[in-house]
N, C-alpha and C. Protein backbone atom coordinates (compact mmCIF):
# COMPACT_ATOMS: atom_id res chain seq x y z
N GLN A 1 1.26 -0.95 0.13
CA GLN A 1 0.05 0.18 0.30
C GLN A 1 1.02 1.20 -0.28
N VAL A 2 0.30 2.38 -0.96
CA VAL A 2 0.93 3.52 -0.47
C VAL A 2 -0.11 4.74 0.07
N GLN A 3 0.70 5.76 0.69
CA GLN A 3 -0.42 6.86 1.42
C GLN A 3 0.50 8.08 0.27
N LEU A 4 -0.41 8.80 -0.27
CA LEU A 4 -0.16 10.09 -0.87
C LEU A 4 -0.73 11.36 -0.10
N VAL A 5 0.45 12.46 -0.30
CA VAL A 5 -0.16 13.31 0.59
C VAL A 5 0.47 14.96 -0.42
N GLU A 6 -0.27 15.50 -1.40
CA GLU A 6 -0.50 16.32 -2.08
C GLU A 6 0.18 17.88 -1.65
N SER A 7 0.86 18.84 -1.40
CA SER A 7 1.01 19.78 -1.51
C SER A 7 1.87 21.06 -2.31
N GLY A 8 0.85 21.95 -2.76
CA GLY A 8 1.72 23.40 -3.23
C GLY A 8 0.55 24.54 -3.74
N GLY A 9 -0.76 23.94 -3.57
CA GLY A 9 -1.68 24.60 -4.32
C GLY A 9 -1.61 26.17 -3.51
N GLY A 10 -3.30 26.39 -4.33
CA GLY A 10 -3.21 27.79 -3.47
C GLY A 10 -3.54 28.48 -4.89
N LEU A 11 -3.58 29.85 -4.23
CA LEU A 11 -3.55 30.80 -5.93
C LEU A 11 -2.88 31.42 -6.39
N VAL A 12 -3.39 31.40 -7.55
CA VAL A 12 -1.97 31.84 -8.81
C VAL A 12 -2.72 32.43 -9.67
N GLN A 13 -2.02 33.64 -10.30
CA GLN A 13 -2.55 34.39 -11.27
C GLN A 13 -2.64 34.00 -12.74
N ALA A 14 -3.65 34.16 -13.36
CA ALA A 14 -3.48 33.64 -15.06
C ALA A 14 -2.23 33.98 -15.28
N GLY A 15 -1.94 33.12 -16.10
CA GLY A 15 -0.61 33.39 -16.52
C GLY A 15 0.94 32.61 -16.67
N GLY A 16 0.57 32.41 -15.05
CA GLY A 16 1.27 32.28 -14.36
C GLY A 16 1.64 30.73 -14.11
N SER A 17 2.45 30.29 -13.08
CA SER A 17 2.90 29.14 -12.97
C SER A 17 2.43 28.23 -11.91
N LEU A 18 2.67 27.05 -12.02
CA LEU A 18 2.76 26.04 -10.45
C LEU A 18 3.45 25.10 -10.40
N ARG A 19 4.02 24.26 -9.13
CA ARG A 19 4.55 22.89 -8.49
C ARG A 19 3.74 22.63 -7.50
N LEU A 20 3.07 21.19 -8.36
CA LEU A 20 2.79 20.38 -6.53
C LEU A 20 3.48 19.19 -6.49
N SER A 21 3.58 18.99 -5.54
CA SER A 21 4.37 17.85 -4.87
C SER A 21 3.23 16.62 -4.69
N CYS A 22 3.73 15.68 -4.61
CA CYS A 22 2.94 14.40 -4.18
C CYS A 22 3.78 13.54 -3.27
N LEU A 23 3.80 12.91 -2.11
CA LEU A 23 5.21 12.53 -1.14
C LEU A 23 4.29 11.40 -1.14
N GLY A 24 5.13 9.94 -1.55
CA GLY A 24 4.41 8.71 -0.90
C GLY A 24 4.92 8.37 0.22
N SER A 25 4.35 7.75 1.30
CA SER A 25 4.61 6.51 1.95
C SER A 25 4.70 5.38 1.63
N GLY A 26 5.86 4.32 2.00
CA GLY A 26 5.97 3.10 2.25
C GLY A 26 7.54 3.10 1.39
N ARG A 27 7.95 1.58 1.06
CA ARG A 27 8.88 1.51 0.64
C ARG A 27 8.57 1.46 -0.99
N ALA A 28 7.51 0.81 -1.46
CA ALA A 28 7.53 0.22 -2.74
C ALA A 28 7.25 1.40 -3.68
N PHE A 29 6.83 3.41 -3.30
CA PHE A 29 7.10 3.69 -3.94
C PHE A 29 7.02 3.29 -5.66
N SER A 30 8.28 3.32 -5.92
CA SER A 30 8.77 3.39 -7.15
C SER A 30 8.44 2.19 -7.97
N THR A 31 7.39 1.58 -7.50
CA THR A 31 6.90 0.22 -8.35
C THR A 31 5.26 0.67 -8.58
N TYR A 32 4.90 2.06 -8.01
CA TYR A 32 3.64 2.56 -8.47
C TYR A 32 3.75 3.43 -10.05
N THR A 33 3.40 3.21 -11.07
CA THR A 33 2.80 4.91 -11.71
C THR A 33 2.06 5.58 -11.58
N MET A 34 2.61 6.99 -11.26
CA MET A 34 1.69 7.96 -10.50
C MET A 34 1.20 8.94 -11.07
N SER A 35 -0.02 9.14 -11.28
CA SER A 35 -0.22 10.61 -12.37
C SER A 35 -1.40 11.53 -11.10
N TRP A 36 -1.51 12.78 -11.75
CA TRP A 36 -2.18 13.56 -11.74
C TRP A 36 -3.83 13.63 -12.36
N PHE A 37 -4.77 14.21 -11.66
CA PHE A 37 -6.26 13.82 -11.70
C PHE A 37 -6.77 15.47 -11.62
N ARG A 38 -7.54 16.21 -12.29
CA ARG A 38 -7.92 17.09 -11.37
C ARG A 38 -9.43 17.18 -11.45
N GLN A 39 -10.43 17.83 -10.63
CA GLN A 39 -11.80 17.90 -10.78
C GLN A 39 -12.36 19.33 -10.28
N ALA A 40 -12.93 19.56 -10.89
CA ALA A 40 -13.46 21.30 -10.99
C ALA A 40 -14.84 21.03 -10.46
N PRO A 41 -15.37 21.96 -10.26
CA PRO A 41 -17.02 22.46 -9.50
C PRO A 41 -18.39 21.52 -10.81
N GLY A 42 -18.40 20.49 -10.37
CA GLY A 42 -19.69 20.10 -11.31
C GLY A 42 -19.12 19.53 -12.56
N LYS A 43 -17.50 19.49 -12.39
CA LYS A 43 -17.25 18.71 -13.67
C LYS A 43 -16.83 16.92 -13.06
N GLU A 44 -16.68 16.27 -14.15
CA GLU A 44 -16.27 14.91 -14.02
C GLU A 44 -14.51 14.99 -14.08
N ARG A 45 -13.62 14.31 -13.05
CA ARG A 45 -12.55 13.61 -12.31
C ARG A 45 -11.62 13.85 -14.24
N GLU A 46 -10.70 14.45 -14.07
CA GLU A 46 -10.19 14.84 -15.43
C GLU A 46 -8.27 13.67 -15.56
N PHE A 47 -8.27 13.37 -16.27
CA PHE A 47 -6.58 12.99 -16.27
C PHE A 47 -6.04 13.78 -16.91
N VAL A 48 -5.02 14.50 -16.04
CA VAL A 48 -3.79 15.78 -16.21
C VAL A 48 -2.65 14.76 -16.89
N GLY A 49 -2.03 14.09 -16.21
CA GLY A 49 -0.63 13.27 -16.80
C GLY A 49 -0.63 12.78 -15.41
N GLY A 50 0.39 11.56 -16.37
CA GLY A 50 1.40 10.48 -15.71
C GLY A 50 2.41 9.90 -15.71
N ILE A 51 3.02 9.63 -15.03
CA ILE A 51 4.82 9.31 -15.07
C ILE A 51 4.50 7.57 -14.78
N SER A 52 5.49 6.65 -15.69
CA SER A 52 5.81 5.64 -15.33
C SER A 52 6.76 5.36 -14.15
N VAL A 53 6.65 4.15 -14.22
CA VAL A 53 7.67 3.77 -12.80
C VAL A 53 9.13 4.52 -12.76
N SER A 54 9.53 4.04 -13.58
CA SER A 54 11.54 3.92 -14.07
C SER A 54 11.05 5.65 -13.84
N GLY A 55 10.17 6.50 -14.91
CA GLY A 55 10.18 7.92 -14.62
C GLY A 55 10.00 8.11 -17.09
N SER A 56 10.78 7.39 -17.15
CA SER A 56 10.87 6.85 -18.91
C SER A 56 9.70 7.44 -19.36
N MET A 57 8.99 7.33 -19.14
CA MET A 57 7.24 7.50 -20.18
C MET A 57 6.44 8.28 -19.14
N THR A 58 5.94 9.52 -19.64
CA THR A 58 4.72 10.48 -19.76
C THR A 58 3.49 10.40 -20.49
N ASN A 59 2.61 10.43 -19.98
CA ASN A 59 1.23 11.07 -20.54
C ASN A 59 0.60 11.69 -19.63
N TYR A 60 0.83 12.79 -20.41
CA TYR A 60 -0.22 14.15 -19.93
C TYR A 60 -1.59 13.98 -21.56
N GLY A 61 -2.88 14.49 -20.49
CA GLY A 61 -3.90 15.15 -20.76
C GLY A 61 -4.01 16.07 -22.07
N ASP A 62 -4.90 16.58 -22.75
CA ASP A 62 -4.81 17.19 -23.97
C ASP A 62 -5.08 18.34 -23.59
N SER A 63 -5.59 18.86 -22.84
CA SER A 63 -6.27 19.98 -22.01
C SER A 63 -4.37 20.75 -21.27
N VAL A 64 -3.91 19.97 -21.12
CA VAL A 64 -2.52 20.45 -20.50
C VAL A 64 -1.35 20.78 -21.88
N LYS A 65 -1.63 19.85 -22.43
CA LYS A 65 -0.36 19.18 -23.29
C LYS A 65 0.50 20.82 -23.78
N GLY A 66 1.67 20.80 -23.87
CA GLY A 66 2.46 21.80 -23.64
C GLY A 66 2.65 22.71 -23.11
N ARG A 67 1.46 22.52 -21.96
CA ARG A 67 1.66 23.49 -20.61
C ARG A 67 2.36 22.60 -19.56
N ILE A 68 2.59 21.14 -19.43
CA ILE A 68 2.69 20.59 -18.33
C ILE A 68 3.80 19.58 -18.35
N THR A 69 5.11 19.42 -16.65
CA THR A 69 5.94 18.42 -16.69
C THR A 69 5.47 17.64 -15.20
N ILE A 70 5.78 16.36 -16.02
CA ILE A 70 5.52 15.26 -14.49
C ILE A 70 7.05 14.81 -14.00
N SER A 71 7.67 14.79 -12.96
CA SER A 71 8.85 14.58 -12.74
C SER A 71 8.57 13.30 -11.47
N ARG A 72 9.67 12.44 -11.25
CA ARG A 72 9.31 11.60 -9.86
C ARG A 72 10.97 11.92 -9.92
N ASP A 73 10.55 11.89 -8.29
CA ASP A 73 11.94 11.25 -7.67
C ASP A 73 12.00 10.36 -6.70
N ASN A 74 12.31 9.41 -6.85
CA ASN A 74 11.80 7.75 -5.84
C ASN A 74 12.58 7.41 -5.22
N ALA A 75 14.03 8.63 -5.07
CA ALA A 75 14.43 8.21 -3.62
C ALA A 75 13.78 8.93 -2.87
N LYS A 76 13.09 10.14 -3.38
CA LYS A 76 12.39 11.10 -2.23
C LYS A 76 11.04 10.79 -2.19
N ASN A 77 10.63 9.14 -2.77
CA ASN A 77 9.18 9.01 -2.90
C ASN A 77 8.18 10.57 -3.47
N THR A 78 8.64 10.74 -3.83
CA THR A 78 8.07 12.24 -4.24
C THR A 78 7.95 12.05 -6.06
N VAL A 79 6.43 12.54 -6.96
CA VAL A 79 6.52 12.76 -7.87
C VAL A 79 5.63 14.25 -7.94
N TYR A 80 5.83 15.29 -8.82
CA TYR A 80 6.26 16.69 -9.19
C TYR A 80 5.09 17.00 -10.39
N LEU A 81 3.94 18.09 -10.24
CA LEU A 81 3.47 18.27 -11.68
C LEU A 81 3.87 20.08 -11.74
N GLN A 82 4.85 20.53 -13.09
CA GLN A 82 4.57 21.40 -13.22
C GLN A 82 3.36 22.03 -14.48
N LEU A 83 3.07 22.73 -13.97
CA LEU A 83 1.52 23.94 -14.57
C LEU A 83 2.33 25.38 -15.04
N LYS A 84 2.73 25.02 -16.22
CA LYS A 84 2.54 27.48 -16.83
C LYS A 84 1.75 27.68 -17.47
N SER A 85 1.62 28.94 -17.82
CA SER A 85 0.86 29.47 -18.58
C SER A 85 -0.34 29.13 -18.15
N LEU A 86 -0.97 29.27 -16.65
CA LEU A 86 -2.36 29.01 -16.00
C LEU A 86 -3.29 29.59 -16.46
N GLU A 87 -4.40 29.42 -16.63
CA GLU A 87 -5.22 29.51 -16.82
C GLU A 87 -7.14 29.43 -16.33
N PRO A 88 -8.14 30.44 -16.14
CA PRO A 88 -8.95 30.30 -15.22
C PRO A 88 -9.37 28.62 -14.97
N GLU A 89 -9.61 27.96 -16.45
CA GLU A 89 -10.22 26.79 -16.58
C GLU A 89 -9.28 25.55 -16.02
N ASP A 90 -8.34 26.17 -15.58
CA ASP A 90 -7.41 24.69 -14.41
C ASP A 90 -7.08 24.85 -13.00
N THR A 91 -8.16 26.13 -12.77
CA THR A 91 -9.09 25.97 -11.24
C THR A 91 -9.57 24.76 -11.34
N ALA A 92 -9.02 23.98 -10.08
CA ALA A 92 -9.93 22.31 -9.82
C ALA A 92 -9.03 22.14 -8.06
N VAL A 93 -9.59 21.14 -7.81
CA VAL A 93 -8.52 20.21 -6.54
C VAL A 93 -8.01 19.39 -7.89
N TYR A 94 -6.79 19.00 -7.59
CA TYR A 94 -5.36 18.42 -7.79
C TYR A 94 -5.51 16.97 -6.75
N TYR A 95 -5.67 16.00 -7.70
CA TYR A 95 -5.20 14.62 -6.60
C TYR A 95 -4.32 13.84 -7.55
N CYS A 96 -2.96 13.59 -6.56
CA CYS A 96 -1.87 12.47 -7.31
C CYS A 96 -3.08 11.38 -7.05
N ALA A 97 -2.16 10.19 -7.40
CA ALA A 97 -2.93 8.58 -7.66
C ALA A 97 -1.85 8.05 -7.61
N ALA A 98 -1.77 6.30 -7.53
CA ALA A 98 -0.86 5.81 -7.97
C ALA A 98 -1.55 4.17 -7.81
N ASP A 99 -0.93 3.73 -9.31
CA ASP A 99 -1.15 2.40 -9.17
C ASP A 99 -0.25 1.76 -10.04
N GLY A 100 -1.05 0.32 -9.25
CA GLY A 100 0.41 -0.62 -9.08
C GLY A 100 0.12 -1.40 -7.62
N PRO A 101 1.06 -2.21 -7.36
CA PRO A 101 2.36 -2.51 -7.93
C PRO A 101 2.56 -2.98 -9.48
N THR A 102 3.14 -2.47 -10.01
CA THR A 102 3.32 -2.64 -11.24
C THR A 102 4.80 -2.39 -12.36
N TRP A 103 5.45 -3.09 -12.89
CA TRP A 103 6.57 -3.23 -13.55
C TRP A 103 6.65 -2.19 -14.99
N GLY A 104 5.77 -2.33 -15.43
CA GLY A 104 5.36 -1.89 -16.91
C GLY A 104 5.28 -0.35 -16.69
N GLN A 105 5.48 0.16 -17.74
CA GLN A 105 5.30 1.60 -18.21
C GLN A 105 4.43 2.43 -18.83
N MET A 106 3.31 1.38 -19.13
CA MET A 106 2.14 2.02 -18.91
C MET A 106 1.63 3.21 -18.34
N VAL A 107 1.33 4.41 -18.55
CA VAL A 107 0.40 4.93 -17.93
C VAL A 107 -0.92 5.01 -18.51
N ARG A 108 -1.92 4.55 -17.27
CA ARG A 108 -3.49 4.76 -17.68
C ARG A 108 -3.92 6.28 -17.47
N THR A 109 -4.44 5.95 -17.72
CA THR A 109 -5.57 7.63 -17.84
C THR A 109 -6.67 7.12 -17.36
N ASP A 110 -7.41 6.14 -17.35
CA ASP A 110 -8.83 6.28 -15.86
C ASP A 110 -8.75 5.89 -14.99
N SER A 111 -8.93 6.91 -13.91
CA SER A 111 -9.25 7.17 -13.00
C SER A 111 -9.64 5.77 -12.36
N ASN A 112 -10.34 4.76 -12.56
CA ASN A 112 -10.63 3.46 -12.23
C ASN A 112 -9.79 2.59 -11.70
N GLU A 113 -8.86 2.65 -13.03
CA GLU A 113 -7.61 1.63 -12.64
C GLU A 113 -6.35 2.11 -11.32
N TYR A 114 -6.72 3.39 -10.44
CA TYR A 114 -5.93 3.99 -9.36
C TYR A 114 -6.15 3.39 -8.34
N ASP A 115 -5.77 2.40 -7.44
CA ASP A 115 -6.52 2.25 -5.90
C ASP A 115 -6.43 3.21 -4.82
N TYR A 116 -5.00 3.92 -5.33
CA TYR A 116 -4.87 5.22 -3.94
C TYR A 116 -4.07 6.71 -4.14
N TRP A 117 -5.20 7.26 -3.73
CA TRP A 117 -5.50 8.26 -4.05
C TRP A 117 -4.94 9.43 -2.87
N GLY A 118 -4.62 10.66 -2.85
CA GLY A 118 -4.35 12.01 -2.02
C GLY A 118 -5.48 12.53 -1.92
N GLN A 119 -5.33 13.35 -0.55
CA GLN A 119 -6.52 13.94 0.01
C GLN A 119 -7.14 15.36 -1.05
N GLY A 120 -6.52 15.61 -1.99
CA GLY A 120 -6.17 16.65 -3.26
C GLY A 120 -6.12 17.95 -2.42
N THR A 121 -5.47 18.89 -3.27
CA THR A 121 -4.84 20.11 -3.05
C THR A 121 -5.45 20.92 -3.98
N GLN A 122 -6.59 22.26 -3.60
CA GLN A 122 -7.09 23.08 -4.36
C GLN A 122 -6.17 24.41 -5.01
N VAL A 123 -6.22 24.38 -5.83
CA VAL A 123 -5.70 25.17 -7.34
C VAL A 123 -6.10 26.29 -7.73
N THR A 124 -6.54 27.95 -7.43
CA THR A 124 -7.34 28.69 -7.85
C THR A 124 -6.66 29.36 -8.34
N VAL A 125 -6.86 29.47 -10.06
CA VAL A 125 -6.30 30.66 -10.56
C VAL A 125 -7.22 31.64 -11.18
N SER A 126 -6.47 32.83 -10.67
CA SER A 126 -7.80 34.26 -10.89
C SER A 126 -7.11 34.75 -12.01
N SER A 127 -8.52 35.39 -12.88
CA SER A 127 -8.38 36.48 -14.39
C SER A 127 -7.83 37.39 -13.55
């Protein structure tokens, strides 16, 4: 099992950038595919992006492609989300999630495939 805690959310101006962190507990963090999802009020949870266990593969959602970078540091049990050129439409609660354990490099986009979730961190982008 893995427990996840997000940090780094807050209020950001449009055009700015943010960096979210997700700290995982447990020694097996490096065997989990890690992804970020977000959910805005009244909308379904949306895949933002994810990274494979080794960090060699990433998969990004269409709404953030070109603005997003996801990375991980397995030695620190942490995955990062960097998002630039923020828009008010990026306002949401951002969740990190873990899929695994696995040795594969595929990053799945369906939230139902993820067994472990953080509590979420609010990101608000002001216009």
